[in-house]
Amino acid sequence: ELFMPAEYENKASIGFELNSLKQQWSEKITEIFEIAALPSPKSME
């Protein structure tokens, strides 16, 4: 749900773009999960 924009998120026009954040977030999470020996986000797609 974090990256599924509601209508108001798409139309507010205030410099807030969720689609561009998903890959960045996934990369950060993957990095920490690898150190913590936890499953990667990719394995839970």
PDB file of all heavy atoms in Angstrom:
ATOM      1  N   GLU A   1       0.818  -1.215   0.000  1.00  0.00           N
ATOM      2  CA  GLU A   1       0.000   0.000   0.000  1.00  0.00           C
ATOM      3  C   GLU A   1       0.854   1.269   0.000  1.00  0.00           C
ATOM      4  O   GLU A   1       0.404   2.321  -0.462  1.00  0.00           O
ATOM      5  CB  GLU A   1      -0.927   0.003   1.226  1.00  0.00           C
ATOM      6  CG  GLU A   1      -1.885   1.170   1.259  1.00  0.00           C
ATOM      7  CD  GLU A   1      -2.734   1.197   2.514  1.00  0.00           C
ATOM      8  OE1 GLU A   1      -2.250   0.742   3.576  1.00  0.00           O
ATOM      9  OE2 GLU A   1      -3.873   1.683   2.439  1.00  0.00           O
ATOM     10  N   LEU A   2       2.080   1.178   0.519  1.00  0.00           N
ATOM     11  CA  LEU A   2       2.942   2.350   0.580  1.00  0.00           C
ATOM     12  C   LEU A   2       3.081   3.016  -0.790  1.00  0.00           C
ATOM     13  O   LEU A   2       3.141   4.237  -0.891  1.00  0.00           O
ATOM     14  CB  LEU A   2       4.340   1.968   1.088  1.00  0.00           C
ATOM     15  CG  LEU A   2       4.457   1.249   2.435  1.00  0.00           C
ATOM     16  CD1 LEU A   2       5.915   0.974   2.764  1.00  0.00           C
ATOM     17  CD2 LEU A   2       3.797   2.040   3.546  1.00  0.00           C
ATOM     18  N   PHE A   3       3.122   2.189  -1.828  1.00  0.00           N
ATOM     19  CA  PHE A   3       3.431   2.695  -3.163  1.00  0.00           C
ATOM     20  C   PHE A   3       2.254   2.596  -4.127  1.00  0.00           C
ATOM     21  O   PHE A   3       2.430   2.660  -5.343  1.00  0.00           O
ATOM     22  CB  PHE A   3       4.652   1.953  -3.715  1.00  0.00           C
ATOM     23  CG  PHE A   3       5.848   2.061  -2.805  1.00  0.00           C
ATOM     24  CD1 PHE A   3       6.185   1.016  -1.965  1.00  0.00           C
ATOM     25  CD2 PHE A   3       6.577   3.233  -2.755  1.00  0.00           C
ATOM     26  CE1 PHE A   3       7.267   1.125  -1.097  1.00  0.00           C
ATOM     27  CE2 PHE A   3       7.660   3.351  -1.888  1.00  0.00           C
ATOM     28  CZ  PHE A   3       8.004   2.304  -1.068  1.00  0.00           C
ATOM     29  N   MET A   4       1.053   2.434  -3.581  1.00  0.00           N
ATOM     30  CA  MET A   4      -0.152   2.466  -4.398  1.00  0.00           C
ATOM     31  C   MET A   4      -0.836   3.804  -4.154  1.00  0.00           C
ATOM     32  O   MET A   4      -1.560   3.963  -3.174  1.00  0.00           O
ATOM     33  CB  MET A   4      -1.093   1.316  -4.026  1.00  0.00           C
ATOM     34  CG  MET A   4      -0.505  -0.053  -4.293  1.00  0.00           C
ATOM     35  SD  MET A   4      -1.646  -1.383  -3.791  1.00  0.00           S
ATOM     36  CE  MET A   4      -0.619  -2.826  -4.068  1.00  0.00           C
ATOM     37  N   PRO A   5      -0.588   4.801  -5.000  1.00  0.00           N
ATOM     38  CA  PRO A   5      -1.076   6.150  -4.719  1.00  0.00           C
ATOM     39  C   PRO A   5      -2.591   6.263  -4.750  1.00  0.00           C
ATOM     40  O   PRO A   5      -3.252   5.703  -5.619  1.00  0.00           O
ATOM     41  CB  PRO A   5      -0.432   6.998  -5.826  1.00  0.00           C
ATOM     42  CG  PRO A   5      -0.131   6.027  -6.920  1.00  0.00           C
ATOM     43  CD  PRO A   5       0.190   4.727  -6.250  1.00  0.00           C
ATOM     44  N   ALA A   6      -3.124   6.957  -3.750  1.00  0.00           N
ATOM     45  CA  ALA A   6      -4.541   7.319  -3.768  1.00  0.00           C
ATOM     46  C   ALA A   6      -4.731   8.475  -4.743  1.00  0.00           C
ATOM     47  O   ALA A   6      -3.773   9.123  -5.161  1.00  0.00           O
ATOM     48  CB  ALA A   6      -4.992   7.723  -2.366  1.00  0.00           C
ATOM     49  N   GLU A   7      -5.969   8.730  -5.095  1.00  0.00           N
ATOM     50  CA  GLU A   7      -6.250   9.792  -6.067  1.00  0.00           C
ATOM     51  C   GLU A   7      -5.686  11.130  -5.612  1.00  0.00           C
ATOM     52  O   GLU A   7      -5.117  11.886  -6.400  1.00  0.00           O
ATOM     53  CB  GLU A   7      -7.759   9.906  -6.290  1.00  0.00           C
ATOM     54  CG  GLU A   7      -8.142  10.931  -7.344  1.00  0.00           C
ATOM     55  CD  GLU A   7      -9.636  10.979  -7.589  1.00  0.00           C
ATOM     56  OE1 GLU A   7     -10.381  10.280  -6.881  1.00  0.00           O
ATOM     57  OE2 GLU A   7     -10.069  11.732  -8.495  1.00  0.00           O
ATOM     58  N   TYR A   8      -5.830  11.428  -4.320  1.00  0.00           N
ATOM     59  CA  TYR A   8      -5.347  12.722  -3.833  1.00  0.00           C
ATOM     60  C   TYR A   8      -3.821  12.820  -3.876  1.00  0.00           C
ATOM     61  O   TYR A   8      -3.272  13.914  -4.000  1.00  0.00           O
ATOM     62  CB  TYR A   8      -5.864  13.007  -2.417  1.00  0.00           C
ATOM     63  CG  TYR A   8      -5.596  11.928  -1.386  1.00  0.00           C
ATOM     64  CD1 TYR A   8      -4.362  11.801  -0.768  1.00  0.00           C
ATOM     65  CD2 TYR A   8      -6.613  11.051  -1.007  1.00  0.00           C
ATOM     66  CE1 TYR A   8      -4.131  10.825   0.190  1.00  0.00           C
ATOM     67  CE2 TYR A   8      -6.391  10.076  -0.061  1.00  0.00           C
ATOM     68  CZ  TYR A   8      -5.153   9.967   0.540  1.00  0.00           C
ATOM     69  OH  TYR A   8      -4.920   8.981   1.497  1.00  0.00           O
ATOM     70  N   GLU A   9      -3.124  11.695  -3.799  1.00  0.00           N
ATOM     71  CA  GLU A   9      -1.664  11.738  -3.916  1.00  0.00           C
ATOM     72  C   GLU A   9      -1.242  12.043  -5.349  1.00  0.00           C
ATOM     73  O   GLU A   9      -0.247  12.737  -5.577  1.00  0.00           O
ATOM     74  CB  GLU A   9      -1.062  10.405  -3.463  1.00  0.00           C
ATOM     75  CG  GLU A   9      -1.166  10.161  -1.968  1.00  0.00           C
ATOM     76  CD  GLU A   9      -0.613   8.812  -1.564  1.00  0.00           C
ATOM     77  OE1 GLU A   9      -1.255   7.791  -1.902  1.00  0.00           O
ATOM     78  OE2 GLU A   9       0.448   8.776  -0.915  1.00  0.00           O
ATOM     79  N   ASN A  10      -1.991  11.538  -6.293  1.00  0.00           N
ATOM     80  CA  ASN A  10      -1.677  11.800  -7.699  1.00  0.00           C
ATOM     81  C   ASN A  10      -1.988  13.231  -8.113  1.00  0.00           C
ATOM     82  O   ASN A  10      -1.312  13.804  -8.975  1.00  0.00           O
ATOM     83  CB  ASN A  10      -2.461  10.847  -8.609  1.00  0.00           C
ATOM     84  CG  ASN A  10      -1.853   9.460  -8.661  1.00  0.00           C
ATOM     85  OD1 ASN A  10      -0.649   9.302  -8.544  1.00  0.00           O
ATOM     86  ND2 ASN A  10      -2.703   8.454  -8.821  1.00  0.00           N
ATOM     87  N   LYS A  11      -3.005  13.821  -7.491  1.00  0.00           N
ATOM     88  CA  LYS A  11      -3.509  15.110  -7.963  1.00  0.00           C
ATOM     89  C   LYS A  11      -3.118  16.305  -7.105  1.00  0.00           C
ATOM     90  O   LYS A  11      -3.444  17.439  -7.446  1.00  0.00           O
ATOM     91  CB  LYS A  11      -5.037  15.051  -8.079  1.00  0.00           C
ATOM     92  CG  LYS A  11      -5.528  14.067  -9.136  1.00  0.00           C
ATOM     93  CD  LYS A  11      -7.031  14.108  -9.281  1.00  0.00           C
ATOM     94  CE  LYS A  11      -7.513  13.174 -10.390  1.00  0.00           C
ATOM     95  NZ  LYS A  11      -8.984  13.206 -10.540  1.00  0.00           N
ATOM     96  N   ALA A  12      -2.445  16.071  -5.978  1.00  0.00           N
ATOM     97  CA  ALA A  12      -2.114  17.185  -5.092  1.00  0.00           C
ATOM     98  C   ALA A  12      -1.085  18.131  -5.708  1.00  0.00           C
ATOM     99  O   ALA A  12      -1.040  19.317  -5.395  1.00  0.00           O
ATOM    100  CB  ALA A  12      -1.606  16.663  -3.753  1.00  0.00           C
ATOM    101  N   SER A  13      -0.203  17.609  -6.566  1.00  0.00           N
ATOM    102  CA  SER A  13       0.768  18.424  -7.303  1.00  0.00           C
ATOM    103  C   SER A  13       1.631  19.281  -6.381  1.00  0.00           C
ATOM    104  O   SER A  13       1.706  20.501  -6.522  1.00  0.00           O
ATOM    105  CB  SER A  13       0.038  19.340  -8.306  1.00  0.00           C
ATOM    106  OG  SER A  13      -0.714  18.577  -9.222  1.00  0.00           O
ATOM    107  N   ILE A  14       2.300  18.634  -5.452  1.00  0.00           N
ATOM    108  CA  ILE A  14       3.153  19.386  -4.520  1.00  0.00           C
ATOM    109  C   ILE A  14       4.554  18.790  -4.455  1.00  0.00           C
ATOM    110  O   ILE A  14       5.258  18.937  -3.459  1.00  0.00           O
ATOM    111  CB  ILE A  14       2.541  19.414  -3.104  1.00  0.00           C
ATOM    112  CG1 ILE A  14       2.239  17.995  -2.618  1.00  0.00           C
ATOM    113  CG2 ILE A  14       1.301  20.273  -3.068  1.00  0.00           C
ATOM    114  CD1 ILE A  14       1.745  17.924  -1.207  1.00  0.00           C
ATOM    115  N   GLY A  15       4.978  18.113  -5.502  1.00  0.00           N
ATOM    116  CA  GLY A  15       6.321  17.565  -5.514  1.00  0.00           C
ATOM    117  C   GLY A  15       6.443  16.264  -4.756  1.00  0.00           C
ATOM    118  O   GLY A  15       7.427  16.010  -4.074  1.00  0.00           O
ATOM    119  N   PHE A  16       5.449  15.412  -4.894  1.00  0.00           N
ATOM    120  CA  PHE A  16       5.370  14.174  -4.129  1.00  0.00           C
ATOM    121  C   PHE A  16       5.071  13.048  -5.109  1.00  0.00           C
ATOM    122  O   PHE A  16       3.965  12.939  -5.608  1.00  0.00           O
ATOM    123  CB  PHE A  16       4.247  14.323  -3.103  1.00  0.00           C
ATOM    124  CG  PHE A  16       4.080  13.174  -2.159  1.00  0.00           C
ATOM    125  CD1 PHE A  16       4.752  13.141  -0.957  1.00  0.00           C
ATOM    126  CD2 PHE A  16       3.215  12.140  -2.456  1.00  0.00           C
ATOM    127  CE1 PHE A  16       4.576  12.102  -0.080  1.00  0.00           C
ATOM    128  CE2 PHE A  16       3.030  11.086  -1.575  1.00  0.00           C
ATOM    129  CZ  PHE A  16       3.717  11.072  -0.384  1.00  0.00           C
ATOM    130  N   GLU A  17       6.059  12.222  -5.422  1.00  0.00           N
ATOM    131  CA  GLU A  17       5.912  11.208  -6.461  1.00  0.00           C
ATOM    132  C   GLU A  17       6.292   9.837  -5.918  1.00  0.00           C
ATOM    133  O   GLU A  17       7.461   9.528  -5.690  1.00  0.00           O
ATOM    134  CB  GLU A  17       6.801  11.567  -7.660  1.00  0.00           C
ATOM    135  CG  GLU A  17       6.778  10.556  -8.782  1.00  0.00           C
ATOM    136  CD  GLU A  17       5.370  10.236  -9.254  1.00  0.00           C
ATOM    137  OE1 GLU A  17       4.665  11.155  -9.684  1.00  0.00           O
ATOM    138  OE2 GLU A  17       4.984   9.051  -9.146  1.00  0.00           O
ATOM    139  N   LEU A  18       5.264   8.997  -5.680  1.00  0.00           N
ATOM    140  CA  LEU A  18       5.506   7.690  -5.069  1.00  0.00           C
ATOM    141  C   LEU A  18       6.202   6.716  -6.003  1.00  0.00           C
ATOM    142  O   LEU A  18       7.049   5.931  -5.568  1.00  0.00           O
ATOM    143  CB  LEU A  18       4.174   7.074  -4.620  1.00  0.00           C
ATOM    144  CG  LEU A  18       3.580   7.568  -3.305  1.00  0.00           C
ATOM    145  CD1 LEU A  18       2.269   6.855  -3.035  1.00  0.00           C
ATOM    146  CD2 LEU A  18       4.545   7.336  -2.147  1.00  0.00           C
ATOM    147  N   ASN A  19       5.851   6.743  -7.270  1.00  0.00           N
ATOM    148  CA  ASN A  19       6.385   5.748  -8.203  1.00  0.00           C
ATOM    149  C   ASN A  19       7.901   5.756  -8.264  1.00  0.00           C
ATOM    150  O   ASN A  19       8.535   4.716  -8.446  1.00  0.00           O
ATOM    151  CB  ASN A  19       5.804   5.984  -9.607  1.00  0.00           C
ATOM    152  CG  ASN A  19       4.314   5.704  -9.664  1.00  0.00           C
ATOM    153  OD1 ASN A  19       3.802   4.902  -8.892  1.00  0.00           O
ATOM    154  ND2 ASN A  19       3.616   6.366 -10.565  1.00  0.00           N
ATOM    155  N   SER A  20       8.504   6.933  -8.100  1.00  0.00           N
ATOM    156  CA  SER A  20       9.953   7.031  -8.174  1.00  0.00           C
ATOM    157  C   SER A  20      10.642   6.553  -6.900  1.00  0.00           C
ATOM    158  O   SER A  20      11.861   6.421  -6.865  1.00  0.00           O
ATOM    159  CB  SER A  20      10.361   8.486  -8.455  1.00  0.00           C
ATOM    160  OG  SER A  20      10.006   9.321  -7.368  1.00  0.00           O
ATOM    161  N   LEU A  21       9.858   6.309  -5.843  1.00  0.00           N
ATOM    162  CA  LEU A  21      10.447   5.941  -4.552  1.00  0.00           C
ATOM    163  C   LEU A  21      10.515   4.432  -4.320  1.00  0.00           C
ATOM    164  O   LEU A  21      11.318   3.970  -3.505  1.00  0.00           O
ATOM    165  CB  LEU A  21       9.639   6.572  -3.416  1.00  0.00           C
ATOM    166  CG  LEU A  21       9.539   8.092  -3.382  1.00  0.00           C
ATOM    167  CD1 LEU A  21       8.741   8.537  -2.172  1.00  0.00           C
ATOM    168  CD2 LEU A  21      10.914   8.725  -3.372  1.00  0.00           C
ATOM    169  N   LYS A  22       9.674   3.678  -4.996  1.00  0.00           N
ATOM    170  CA  LYS A  22       9.576   2.252  -4.700  1.00  0.00           C
ATOM    171  C   LYS A  22      10.908   1.530  -4.880  1.00  0.00           C
ATOM    172  O   LYS A  22      11.313   0.727  -4.020  1.00  0.00           O
ATOM    173  CB  LYS A  22       8.508   1.597  -5.591  1.00  0.00           C
ATOM    174  CG  LYS A  22       8.269   0.137  -5.247  1.00  0.00           C
ATOM    175  CD  LYS A  22       7.100  -0.433  -6.036  1.00  0.00           C
ATOM    176  CE  LYS A  22       6.831  -1.877  -5.635  1.00  0.00           C
ATOM    177  NZ  LYS A  22       5.682  -2.453  -6.367  1.00  0.00           N
ATOM    178  N   GLN A  23      11.608   1.802  -5.971  1.00  0.00           N
ATOM    179  CA  GLN A  23      12.883   1.141  -6.229  1.00  0.00           C
ATOM    180  C   GLN A  23      13.925   1.539  -5.190  1.00  0.00           C
ATOM    181  O   GLN A  23      14.676   0.686  -4.697  1.00  0.00           O
ATOM    182  CB  GLN A  23      13.383   1.492  -7.637  1.00  0.00           C
ATOM    183  CG  GLN A  23      14.672   0.790  -8.032  1.00  0.00           C
ATOM    184  CD  GLN A  23      14.542  -0.726  -8.062  1.00  0.00           C
ATOM    185  OE1 GLN A  23      13.476  -1.258  -8.373  1.00  0.00           O
ATOM    186  NE2 GLN A  23      15.609  -1.433  -7.723  1.00  0.00           N
ATOM    187  N   GLN A  24      13.955   2.818  -4.832  1.00  0.00           N
ATOM    188  CA  GLN A  24      14.906   3.274  -3.813  1.00  0.00           C
ATOM    189  C   GLN A  24      14.642   2.595  -2.477  1.00  0.00           C
ATOM    190  O   GLN A  24      15.568   2.149  -1.800  1.00  0.00           O
ATOM    191  CB  GLN A  24      14.805   4.787  -3.640  1.00  0.00           C
ATOM    192  CG  GLN A  24      15.188   5.598  -4.849  1.00  0.00           C
ATOM    193  CD  GLN A  24      15.008   7.085  -4.591  1.00  0.00           C
ATOM    194  OE1 GLN A  24      15.595   7.646  -3.666  1.00  0.00           O
ATOM    195  NE2 GLN A  24      14.184   7.735  -5.401  1.00  0.00           N
ATOM    196  N   TRP A  25      13.369   2.532  -2.101  1.00  0.00           N
ATOM    197  CA  TRP A  25      13.001   1.907  -0.828  1.00  0.00           C
ATOM    198  C   TRP A  25      13.379   0.427  -0.835  1.00  0.00           C
ATOM    199  O   TRP A  25      13.949  -0.072   0.135  1.00  0.00           O
ATOM    200  CB  TRP A  25      11.494   2.069  -0.622  1.00  0.00           C
ATOM    201  CG  TRP A  25      10.965   1.496   0.664  1.00  0.00           C
ATOM    202  CD1 TRP A  25      10.973   2.095   1.892  1.00  0.00           C
ATOM    203  CD2 TRP A  25      10.316   0.224   0.835  1.00  0.00           C
ATOM    204  NE1 TRP A  25      10.371   1.271   2.821  1.00  0.00           N
ATOM    205  CE2 TRP A  25       9.957   0.123   2.197  1.00  0.00           C
ATOM    206  CE3 TRP A  25      10.001  -0.816  -0.034  1.00  0.00           C
ATOM    207  CZ2 TRP A  25       9.304  -1.004   2.709  1.00  0.00           C
ATOM    208  CZ3 TRP A  25       9.351  -1.924   0.474  1.00  0.00           C
ATOM    209  CH2 TRP A  25       9.017  -2.015   1.823  1.00  0.00           C
ATOM    210  N   SER A  26      13.083  -0.264  -1.916  1.00  0.00           N
ATOM    211  CA  SER A  26      13.390  -1.686  -2.020  1.00  0.00           C
ATOM    212  C   SER A  26      14.891  -1.935  -1.905  1.00  0.00           C
ATOM    213  O   SER A  26      15.329  -2.889  -1.244  1.00  0.00           O
ATOM    214  CB  SER A  26      12.858  -2.234  -3.342  1.00  0.00           C
ATOM    215  OG  SER A  26      13.090  -3.619  -3.449  1.00  0.00           O
ATOM    216  N   GLU A  27      15.690  -1.071  -2.510  1.00  0.00           N
ATOM    217  CA  GLU A  27      17.144  -1.233  -2.435  1.00  0.00           C
ATOM    218  C   GLU A  27      17.655  -1.045  -1.015  1.00  0.00           C
ATOM    219  O   GLU A  27      18.527  -1.802  -0.554  1.00  0.00           O
ATOM    220  CB  GLU A  27      17.824  -0.233  -3.378  1.00  0.00           C
ATOM    221  CG  GLU A  27      17.627  -0.559  -4.855  1.00  0.00           C
ATOM    222  CD  GLU A  27      18.155   0.530  -5.762  1.00  0.00           C
ATOM    223  OE1 GLU A  27      18.636   1.565  -5.246  1.00  0.00           O
ATOM    224  OE2 GLU A  27      18.099   0.346  -7.001  1.00  0.00           O
ATOM    225  N   LYS A  28      17.140  -0.052  -0.324  1.00  0.00           N
ATOM    226  CA  LYS A  28      17.550   0.187   1.063  1.00  0.00           C
ATOM    227  C   LYS A  28      17.148  -0.985   1.960  1.00  0.00           C
ATOM    228  O   LYS A  28      17.923  -1.443   2.803  1.00  0.00           O
ATOM    229  CB  LYS A  28      16.912   1.474   1.581  1.00  0.00           C
ATOM    230  CG  LYS A  28      17.350   2.733   0.866  1.00  0.00           C
ATOM    231  CD  LYS A  28      18.762   3.106   1.214  1.00  0.00           C
ATOM    232  CE  LYS A  28      19.138   4.457   0.609  1.00  0.00           C
ATOM    233  NZ  LYS A  28      20.542   4.825   0.907  1.00  0.00           N
ATOM    234  N   ILE A  29      15.908  -1.449   1.789  1.00  0.00           N
ATOM    235  CA  ILE A  29      15.409  -2.567   2.590  1.00  0.00           C
ATOM    236  C   ILE A  29      16.234  -3.823   2.317  1.00  0.00           C
ATOM    237  O   ILE A  29      16.616  -4.553   3.231  1.00  0.00           O
ATOM    238  CB  ILE A  29      13.918  -2.837   2.264  1.00  0.00           C
ATOM    239  CG1 ILE A  29      13.061  -1.644   2.659  1.00  0.00           C
ATOM    240  CG2 ILE A  29      13.426  -4.097   2.974  1.00  0.00           C
ATOM    241  CD1 ILE A  29      12.985  -1.363   4.123  1.00  0.00           C
ATOM    242  N   THR A  30      16.520  -4.087   1.058  1.00  0.00           N
ATOM    243  CA  THR A  30      17.303  -5.266   0.679  1.00  0.00           C
ATOM    244  C   THR A  30      18.671  -5.252   1.343  1.00  0.00           C
ATOM    245  O   THR A  30      19.149  -6.279   1.841  1.00  0.00           O
ATOM    246  CB  THR A  30      17.469  -5.332  -0.847  1.00  0.00           C
ATOM    247  OG1 THR A  30      16.176  -5.454  -1.455  1.00  0.00           O
ATOM    248  CG2 THR A  30      18.323  -6.520  -1.255  1.00  0.00           C
ATOM    249  N   GLU A  31      19.295  -4.104   1.352  1.00  0.00           N
ATOM    250  CA  GLU A  31      20.631  -3.973   1.960  1.00  0.00           C
ATOM    251  C   GLU A  31      20.617  -4.353   3.437  1.00  0.00           C
ATOM    252  O   GLU A  31      21.479  -5.104   3.905  1.00  0.00           O
ATOM    253  CB  GLU A  31      21.120  -2.531   1.786  1.00  0.00           C
ATOM    254  CG  GLU A  31      22.494  -2.269   2.361  1.00  0.00           C
ATOM    255  CD  GLU A  31      22.916  -0.826   2.202  1.00  0.00           C
ATOM    256  OE1 GLU A  31      22.347  -0.117   1.337  1.00  0.00           O
ATOM    257  OE2 GLU A  31      23.823  -0.387   2.938  1.00  0.00           O
ATOM    258  N   ILE A  32      19.634  -3.853   4.165  1.00  0.00           N
ATOM    259  CA  ILE A  32      19.540  -4.157   5.602  1.00  0.00           C
ATOM    260  C   ILE A  32      19.146  -5.608   5.825  1.00  0.00           C
ATOM    261  O   ILE A  32      19.693  -6.286   6.706  1.00  0.00           O
ATOM    262  CB  ILE A  32      18.530  -3.207   6.282  1.00  0.00           C
ATOM    263  CG1 ILE A  32      19.023  -1.760   6.204  1.00  0.00           C
ATOM    264  CG2 ILE A  32      18.295  -3.617   7.733  1.00  0.00           C
ATOM    265  CD1 ILE A  32      20.360  -1.509   6.872  1.00  0.00           C
ATOM    266  N   PHE A  33      18.208  -6.115   5.032  1.00  0.00           N
ATOM    267  CA  PHE A  33      17.764  -7.494   5.197  1.00  0.00           C
ATOM    268  C   PHE A  33      18.891  -8.489   4.924  1.00  0.00           C
ATOM    269  O   PHE A  33      18.967  -9.534   5.570  1.00  0.00           O
ATOM    270  CB  PHE A  33      16.581  -7.780   4.269  1.00  0.00           C
ATOM    271  CG  PHE A  33      15.254  -7.259   4.783  1.00  0.00           C
ATOM    272  CD1 PHE A  33      15.189  -6.407   5.874  1.00  0.00           C
ATOM    273  CD2 PHE A  33      14.055  -7.621   4.165  1.00  0.00           C
ATOM    274  CE1 PHE A  33      13.973  -5.934   6.347  1.00  0.00           C
ATOM    275  CE2 PHE A  33      12.842  -7.154   4.635  1.00  0.00           C
ATOM    276  CZ  PHE A  33      12.799  -6.309   5.721  1.00  0.00           C
ATOM    277  N   GLU A  34      19.747  -8.182   3.967  1.00  0.00           N
ATOM    278  CA  GLU A  34      20.877  -9.077   3.693  1.00  0.00           C
ATOM    279  C   GLU A  34      21.804  -9.175   4.887  1.00  0.00           C
ATOM    280  O   GLU A  34      22.255 -10.270   5.263  1.00  0.00           O
ATOM    281  CB  GLU A  34      21.648  -8.570   2.467  1.00  0.00           C
ATOM    282  CG  GLU A  34      20.944  -8.838   1.148  1.00  0.00           C
ATOM    283  CD  GLU A  34      21.741  -8.331  -0.035  1.00  0.00           C
ATOM    284  OE1 GLU A  34      22.794  -7.664   0.178  1.00  0.00           O
ATOM    285  OE2 GLU A  34      21.330  -8.590  -1.190  1.00  0.00           O
ATOM    286  N   ILE A  35      22.094  -8.060   5.520  1.00  0.00           N
ATOM    287  CA  ILE A  35      22.952  -8.065   6.717  1.00  0.00           C
ATOM    288  C   ILE A  35      22.265  -8.795   7.861  1.00  0.00           C
ATOM    289  O   ILE A  35      22.908  -9.490   8.658  1.00  0.00           O
ATOM    290  CB  ILE A  35      23.299  -6.624   7.135  1.00  0.00           C
ATOM    291  CG1 ILE A  35      24.000  -5.885   5.994  1.00  0.00           C
ATOM    292  CG2 ILE A  35      24.187  -6.621   8.378  1.00  0.00           C
ATOM    293  CD1 ILE A  35      24.217  -4.406   6.260  1.00  0.00           C
ATOM    294  N   ALA A  36      20.937  -8.650   7.935  1.00  0.00           N
ATOM    295  CA  ALA A  36      20.171  -9.265   9.026  1.00  0.00           C
ATOM    296  C   ALA A  36      19.797 -10.711   8.736  1.00  0.00           C
ATOM    297  O   ALA A  36      19.126 -11.352   9.561  1.00  0.00           O
ATOM    298  CB  ALA A  36      18.896  -8.465   9.271  1.00  0.00           C
ATOM    299  N   ALA A  37      20.228 -11.247   7.597  1.00  0.00           N
ATOM    300  CA  ALA A  37      19.927 -12.634   7.213  1.00  0.00           C
ATOM    301  C   ALA A  37      18.422 -12.882   7.105  1.00  0.00           C
ATOM    302  O   ALA A  37      17.923 -13.952   7.457  1.00  0.00           O
ATOM    303  CB  ALA A  37      20.555 -13.616   8.206  1.00  0.00           C
ATOM    304  N   LEU A  38      17.708 -11.889   6.592  1.00  0.00           N
ATOM    305  CA  LEU A  38      16.265 -12.000   6.388  1.00  0.00           C
ATOM    306  C   LEU A  38      15.963 -12.123   4.893  1.00  0.00           C
ATOM    307  O   LEU A  38      16.780 -11.707   4.062  1.00  0.00           O
ATOM    308  CB  LEU A  38      15.552 -10.767   6.963  1.00  0.00           C
ATOM    309  CG  LEU A  38      15.607 -10.599   8.485  1.00  0.00           C
ATOM    310  CD1 LEU A  38      15.016  -9.254   8.889  1.00  0.00           C
ATOM    311  CD2 LEU A  38      14.884 -11.741   9.191  1.00  0.00           C
ATOM    312  N   PRO A  39      14.821 -12.676   4.518  1.00  0.00           N
ATOM    313  CA  PRO A  39      14.476 -12.828   3.103  1.00  0.00           C
ATOM    314  C   PRO A  39      14.474 -11.486   2.385  1.00  0.00           C
ATOM    315  O   PRO A  39      14.074 -10.461   2.952  1.00  0.00           O
ATOM    316  CB  PRO A  39      13.069 -13.433   3.147  1.00  0.00           C
ATOM    317  CG  PRO A  39      12.987 -14.097   4.474  1.00  0.00           C
ATOM    318  CD  PRO A  39      13.787 -13.259   5.410  1.00  0.00           C
ATOM    319  N   SER A  40      14.884 -11.473   1.151  1.00  0.00           N
ATOM    320  CA  SER A  40      14.917 -10.240   0.377  1.00  0.00           C
ATOM    321  C   SER A  40      13.518  -9.879  -0.098  1.00  0.00           C
ATOM    322  O   SER A  40      12.667 -10.761  -0.277  1.00  0.00           O
ATOM    323  CB  SER A  40      15.844 -10.394  -0.827  1.00  0.00           C
ATOM    324  OG  SER A  40      15.266 -11.293  -1.768  1.00  0.00           O
ATOM    325  N   PRO A  41      13.265  -8.583  -0.311  1.00  0.00           N
ATOM    326  CA  PRO A  41      11.962  -8.175  -0.855  1.00  0.00           C
ATOM    327  C   PRO A  41      11.614  -8.877  -2.157  1.00  0.00           C
ATOM    328  O   PRO A  41      10.451  -9.182  -2.407  1.00  0.00           O
ATOM    329  CB  PRO A  41      12.141  -6.671  -1.057  1.00  0.00           C
ATOM    330  CG  PRO A  41      13.151  -6.281  -0.024  1.00  0.00           C
ATOM    331  CD  PRO A  41      14.105  -7.433   0.054  1.00  0.00           C
ATOM    332  N   LYS A  42      12.624  -9.157  -2.970  1.00  0.00           N
ATOM    333  CA  LYS A  42      12.374  -9.802  -4.257  1.00  0.00           C
ATOM    334  C   LYS A  42      11.764 -11.186  -4.082  1.00  0.00           C
ATOM    335  O   LYS A  42      10.928 -11.621  -4.885  1.00  0.00           O
ATOM    336  CB  LYS A  42      13.678  -9.905  -5.042  1.00  0.00           C
ATOM    337  CG  LYS A  42      13.490 -10.301  -6.498  1.00  0.00           C
ATOM    338  CD  LYS A  42      14.778 -10.172  -7.285  1.00  0.00           C
ATOM    339  CE  LYS A  42      14.548 -10.484  -8.760  1.00  0.00           C
ATOM    340  NZ  LYS A  42      15.781 -10.338  -9.559  1.00  0.00           N
ATOM    341  N   SER A  43      12.154 -11.891  -3.018  1.00  0.00           N
ATOM    342  CA  SER A  43      11.631 -13.234  -2.782  1.00  0.00           C
ATOM    343  C   SER A  43      10.192 -13.218  -2.295  1.00  0.00           C
ATOM    344  O   SER A  43       9.546 -14.262  -2.222  1.00  0.00           O
ATOM    345  CB  SER A  43      12.505 -13.959  -1.757  1.00  0.00           C
ATOM    346  OG  SER A  43      12.353 -13.389  -0.462  1.00  0.00           O
ATOM    347  N   MET A  44       9.689 -12.026  -1.946  1.00  0.00           N
ATOM    348  CA  MET A  44       8.321 -11.903  -1.424  1.00  0.00           C
ATOM    349  C   MET A  44       7.412 -11.145  -2.383  1.00  0.00           C
ATOM    350  O   MET A  44       6.363 -10.641  -1.980  1.00  0.00           O
ATOM    351  CB  MET A  44       8.356 -11.207  -0.055  1.00  0.00           C
ATOM    352  CG  MET A  44       9.137 -11.986   0.996  1.00  0.00           C
ATOM    353  SD  MET A  44       9.182 -11.167   2.613  1.00  0.00           S
ATOM    354  CE  MET A  44      10.402  -9.880   2.297  1.00  0.00           C
ATOM    355  N   GLU A  45       7.792 -11.066  -3.640  1.00  0.00           N
ATOM    356  CA  GLU A  45       7.040 -10.289  -4.622  1.00  0.00           C
ATOM    357  C   GLU A  45       5.632 -10.826  -4.867  1.00  0.00           C
ATOM    358  O   GLU A  45       4.739 -10.077  -5.274  1.00  0.00           O
ATOM    359  CB  GLU A  45       7.806 -10.236  -5.948  1.00  0.00           C
ATOM    360  CG  GLU A  45       9.016  -9.321  -5.910  1.00  0.00           C
ATOM    361  CD  GLU A  45       9.743  -9.284  -7.239  1.00  0.00           C
ATOM    362  OE1 GLU A  45       9.460 -10.158  -8.093  1.00  0.00           O
ATOM    363  OE2 GLU A  45      10.594  -8.395  -7.436  1.00  0.00           O
TER     364      GLU A  45
END
